[in-house]
């Protein structure tokens, strides 16, 4: 398994709906937080070690209605 974090910018007024949809529709979601700053949400996902991260982000996460932008953080090692 590999761990990635995705920061999500939502349409105005849609953060709670987007959060609900991410939790309900994406089984790889481990944790989801409301954050402040340029992005509204930060999600932690566990995906298969051989999964294509770009494909996962494009085809799974960015398909959620109300998402305007994402920033993906790839992790390498847990301490």
N, C-alpha and C. Protein backbone atom coordinates (compact mmCIF):
# COMPACT_ATOMS: atom_id res chain seq x y z
N UNK A 1 0.85 -1.18 0.00
CA UNK A 1 0.00 0.00 0.00
C UNK A 1 0.89 1.24 0.00
N UNK A 2 0.39 2.29 -0.63
CA UNK A 2 1.06 3.58 -0.58
C UNK A 2 0.10 4.61 -0.04
N UNK A 3 0.66 5.58 0.65
CA UNK A 3 -0.15 6.63 1.27
C UNK A 3 0.03 7.91 0.48
N UNK A 4 -1.09 8.55 0.16
CA UNK A 4 -1.05 9.88 -0.46
C UNK A 4 -2.01 10.79 0.28
N UNK A 5 -1.69 12.06 0.29
CA UNK A 5 -2.57 13.09 0.83
C UNK A 5 -3.01 13.95 -0.34
N UNK A 6 -4.27 14.32 -0.35
CA UNK A 6 -4.77 15.22 -1.40
C UNK A 6 -5.49 16.38 -0.72
N UNK A 7 -5.00 17.57 -1.04
CA UNK A 7 -5.67 18.77 -0.57
C UNK A 7 -6.69 19.16 -1.64
N UNK A 8 -7.88 19.56 -1.19
CA UNK A 8 -9.01 19.78 -2.10
C UNK A 8 -9.55 21.20 -1.92
N UNK A 9 -9.68 21.92 -3.03
CA UNK A 9 -10.35 23.22 -3.04
C UNK A 9 -11.75 22.98 -3.58
N UNK A 10 -12.75 23.48 -2.87
CA UNK A 10 -14.15 23.26 -3.24
C UNK A 10 -14.80 24.54 -3.76
N UNK A 11 -15.88 24.36 -4.52
CA UNK A 11 -16.71 25.50 -4.87
C UNK A 11 -17.22 26.12 -3.58
N UNK A 12 -17.45 27.42 -3.60
CA UNK A 12 -17.94 28.10 -2.41
C UNK A 12 -19.23 27.44 -1.90
N UNK A 13 -19.26 27.19 -0.61
CA UNK A 13 -20.44 26.61 0.01
C UNK A 13 -20.62 25.11 -0.18
N UNK A 14 -19.63 24.43 -0.76
CA UNK A 14 -19.77 23.00 -1.07
C UNK A 14 -18.86 22.08 -0.26
N UNK A 15 -18.09 22.60 0.67
CA UNK A 15 -17.10 21.77 1.36
C UNK A 15 -17.73 20.59 2.10
N UNK A 16 -18.84 20.80 2.77
CA UNK A 16 -19.47 19.71 3.52
C UNK A 16 -20.04 18.65 2.58
N UNK A 17 -20.61 19.06 1.48
CA UNK A 17 -21.14 18.11 0.50
C UNK A 17 -20.00 17.31 -0.13
N UNK A 18 -18.92 17.99 -0.49
CA UNK A 18 -17.76 17.31 -1.07
C UNK A 18 -17.19 16.32 -0.06
N UNK A 19 -17.06 16.73 1.20
CA UNK A 19 -16.54 15.83 2.23
C UNK A 19 -17.42 14.59 2.37
N UNK A 20 -18.72 14.78 2.41
CA UNK A 20 -19.65 13.64 2.51
C UNK A 20 -19.49 12.71 1.32
N UNK A 21 -19.37 13.27 0.12
CA UNK A 21 -19.23 12.46 -1.09
C UNK A 21 -17.91 11.69 -1.11
N UNK A 22 -16.83 12.32 -0.69
CA UNK A 22 -15.54 11.63 -0.64
C UNK A 22 -15.62 10.44 0.30
N UNK A 23 -16.17 10.64 1.49
CA UNK A 23 -16.26 9.56 2.47
C UNK A 23 -17.18 8.44 1.97
N UNK A 24 -18.25 8.79 1.30
CA UNK A 24 -19.22 7.79 0.86
C UNK A 24 -18.78 7.03 -0.39
N UNK A 25 -18.05 7.70 -1.29
CA UNK A 25 -17.78 7.12 -2.60
C UNK A 25 -16.38 6.59 -2.82
N UNK A 26 -15.42 6.99 -1.98
CA UNK A 26 -14.03 6.57 -2.22
C UNK A 26 -13.58 5.68 -1.07
N UNK A 27 -13.56 4.39 -1.31
CA UNK A 27 -13.25 3.43 -0.25
C UNK A 27 -11.81 3.52 0.24
N UNK A 28 -10.93 4.08 -0.54
CA UNK A 28 -9.52 4.20 -0.15
C UNK A 28 -9.28 5.34 0.85
N UNK A 29 -10.33 6.11 1.17
CA UNK A 29 -10.20 7.23 2.11
C UNK A 29 -9.95 6.71 3.51
N UNK A 30 -8.87 7.19 4.12
CA UNK A 30 -8.54 6.82 5.49
C UNK A 30 -9.00 7.89 6.47
N UNK A 31 -8.66 9.14 6.16
CA UNK A 31 -9.02 10.27 7.02
C UNK A 31 -9.35 11.47 6.15
N UNK A 32 -10.18 12.35 6.67
CA UNK A 32 -10.57 13.56 5.93
C UNK A 32 -10.73 14.70 6.92
N UNK A 33 -10.06 15.81 6.65
CA UNK A 33 -10.06 16.95 7.56
C UNK A 33 -10.49 18.22 6.84
N UNK A 34 -11.17 19.09 7.57
CA UNK A 34 -11.42 20.45 7.13
C UNK A 34 -10.18 21.25 7.52
N UNK A 35 -9.68 22.07 6.58
CA UNK A 35 -8.47 22.85 6.84
C UNK A 35 -8.69 24.30 6.44
N UNK A 36 -7.78 25.16 6.84
CA UNK A 36 -7.86 26.57 6.45
C UNK A 36 -6.75 26.88 5.47
N UNK A 37 -6.90 27.98 4.78
CA UNK A 37 -5.89 28.39 3.81
C UNK A 37 -6.42 28.29 2.40
N UNK A 38 -5.53 27.97 1.45
CA UNK A 38 -5.90 27.93 0.04
C UNK A 38 -6.80 26.75 -0.30
N UNK A 39 -6.80 25.71 0.54
CA UNK A 39 -7.61 24.53 0.29
C UNK A 39 -8.60 24.35 1.43
N UNK A 40 -9.67 23.64 1.17
CA UNK A 40 -10.75 23.46 2.15
C UNK A 40 -10.68 22.13 2.89
N UNK A 41 -10.19 21.09 2.22
CA UNK A 41 -10.15 19.75 2.80
C UNK A 41 -8.79 19.12 2.56
N UNK A 42 -8.41 18.20 3.46
CA UNK A 42 -7.22 17.39 3.24
C UNK A 42 -7.60 15.94 3.52
N UNK A 43 -7.38 15.09 2.54
CA UNK A 43 -7.75 13.69 2.65
C UNK A 43 -6.51 12.81 2.60
N UNK A 44 -6.56 11.74 3.38
CA UNK A 44 -5.49 10.74 3.38
C UNK A 44 -6.06 9.48 2.74
N UNK A 45 -5.34 8.97 1.75
CA UNK A 45 -5.78 7.78 1.03
C UNK A 45 -4.71 6.71 1.08
N UNK A 46 -5.13 5.47 1.20
CA UNK A 46 -4.25 4.31 1.04
C UNK A 46 -4.64 3.64 -0.27
N UNK A 47 -3.70 3.61 -1.21
CA UNK A 47 -3.98 2.97 -2.49
C UNK A 47 -2.97 1.85 -2.71
N UNK A 48 -3.29 0.94 -3.61
CA UNK A 48 -2.41 -0.20 -3.89
C UNK A 48 -1.01 0.29 -4.31
N UNK A 49 0.00 -0.47 -3.95
CA UNK A 49 1.39 -0.09 -4.21
C UNK A 49 1.66 0.12 -5.69
N UNK A 50 0.99 -0.64 -6.55
CA UNK A 50 1.23 -0.52 -7.99
C UNK A 50 0.20 0.37 -8.70
N UNK A 51 -0.66 1.04 -7.92
CA UNK A 51 -1.70 1.90 -8.51
C UNK A 51 -1.07 3.15 -9.11
N UNK A 52 -1.65 3.62 -10.19
CA UNK A 52 -1.22 4.86 -10.83
C UNK A 52 -1.85 6.03 -10.08
N UNK A 53 -1.04 6.81 -9.40
CA UNK A 53 -1.55 7.91 -8.57
C UNK A 53 -2.31 8.93 -9.40
N UNK A 54 -1.75 9.31 -10.53
CA UNK A 54 -2.42 10.28 -11.39
C UNK A 54 -3.78 9.81 -11.84
N UNK A 55 -3.88 8.55 -12.19
CA UNK A 55 -5.15 7.99 -12.61
C UNK A 55 -6.14 7.99 -11.45
N UNK A 56 -5.68 7.61 -10.25
CA UNK A 56 -6.56 7.62 -9.07
C UNK A 56 -7.10 9.02 -8.81
N UNK A 57 -6.21 10.01 -8.84
CA UNK A 57 -6.64 11.39 -8.58
C UNK A 57 -7.61 11.86 -9.66
N UNK A 58 -7.26 11.65 -10.91
CA UNK A 58 -8.06 12.13 -12.03
C UNK A 58 -9.41 11.42 -12.15
N UNK A 59 -9.39 10.12 -12.05
CA UNK A 59 -10.60 9.33 -12.31
C UNK A 59 -11.47 9.11 -11.08
N UNK A 60 -10.90 9.25 -9.89
CA UNK A 60 -11.67 8.97 -8.68
C UNK A 60 -11.98 10.24 -7.88
N UNK A 61 -10.93 10.97 -7.51
CA UNK A 61 -11.12 12.12 -6.63
C UNK A 61 -11.69 13.32 -7.39
N UNK A 62 -11.08 13.69 -8.50
CA UNK A 62 -11.50 14.90 -9.20
C UNK A 62 -12.87 14.77 -9.86
N UNK A 63 -13.44 13.58 -9.87
CA UNK A 63 -14.79 13.39 -10.42
C UNK A 63 -15.90 13.77 -9.44
N UNK A 64 -15.54 14.05 -8.21
CA UNK A 64 -16.53 14.44 -7.21
C UNK A 64 -17.03 15.85 -7.54
N UNK A 65 -18.34 16.00 -7.66
CA UNK A 65 -18.92 17.31 -7.94
C UNK A 65 -18.58 18.30 -6.83
N UNK A 66 -18.22 19.51 -7.21
CA UNK A 66 -17.91 20.57 -6.26
C UNK A 66 -16.43 20.77 -6.02
N UNK A 67 -15.59 19.88 -6.58
CA UNK A 67 -14.14 20.05 -6.45
C UNK A 67 -13.64 20.96 -7.56
N UNK A 68 -12.91 22.01 -7.17
CA UNK A 68 -12.37 22.98 -8.11
C UNK A 68 -10.91 22.69 -8.44
N UNK A 69 -10.13 22.26 -7.42
CA UNK A 69 -8.70 22.05 -7.61
C UNK A 69 -8.21 21.05 -6.58
N UNK A 70 -7.10 20.39 -6.88
CA UNK A 70 -6.47 19.47 -5.93
C UNK A 70 -4.97 19.67 -5.95
N UNK A 71 -4.33 19.27 -4.85
CA UNK A 71 -2.88 19.24 -4.75
C UNK A 71 -2.53 17.90 -4.10
N UNK A 72 -1.76 17.09 -4.79
CA UNK A 72 -1.43 15.75 -4.31
C UNK A 72 -0.04 15.74 -3.68
N UNK A 73 0.05 15.12 -2.50
CA UNK A 73 1.31 14.96 -1.80
C UNK A 73 1.59 13.46 -1.73
N UNK A 74 2.70 13.05 -2.34
CA UNK A 74 3.10 11.65 -2.35
C UNK A 74 4.04 11.42 -1.17
N UNK A 75 3.82 10.35 -0.43
CA UNK A 75 4.68 10.05 0.72
C UNK A 75 5.62 8.90 0.37
N UNK A 76 6.73 8.83 1.11
CA UNK A 76 7.73 7.81 0.85
C UNK A 76 7.95 6.86 2.02
N UNK A 77 7.96 7.38 3.24
CA UNK A 77 8.25 6.53 4.38
C UNK A 77 7.60 7.11 5.63
N UNK A 78 7.01 6.24 6.45
CA UNK A 78 6.43 6.68 7.72
C UNK A 78 7.47 6.51 8.82
N UNK A 79 7.53 7.47 9.73
CA UNK A 79 8.49 7.40 10.85
C UNK A 79 7.76 7.18 12.14
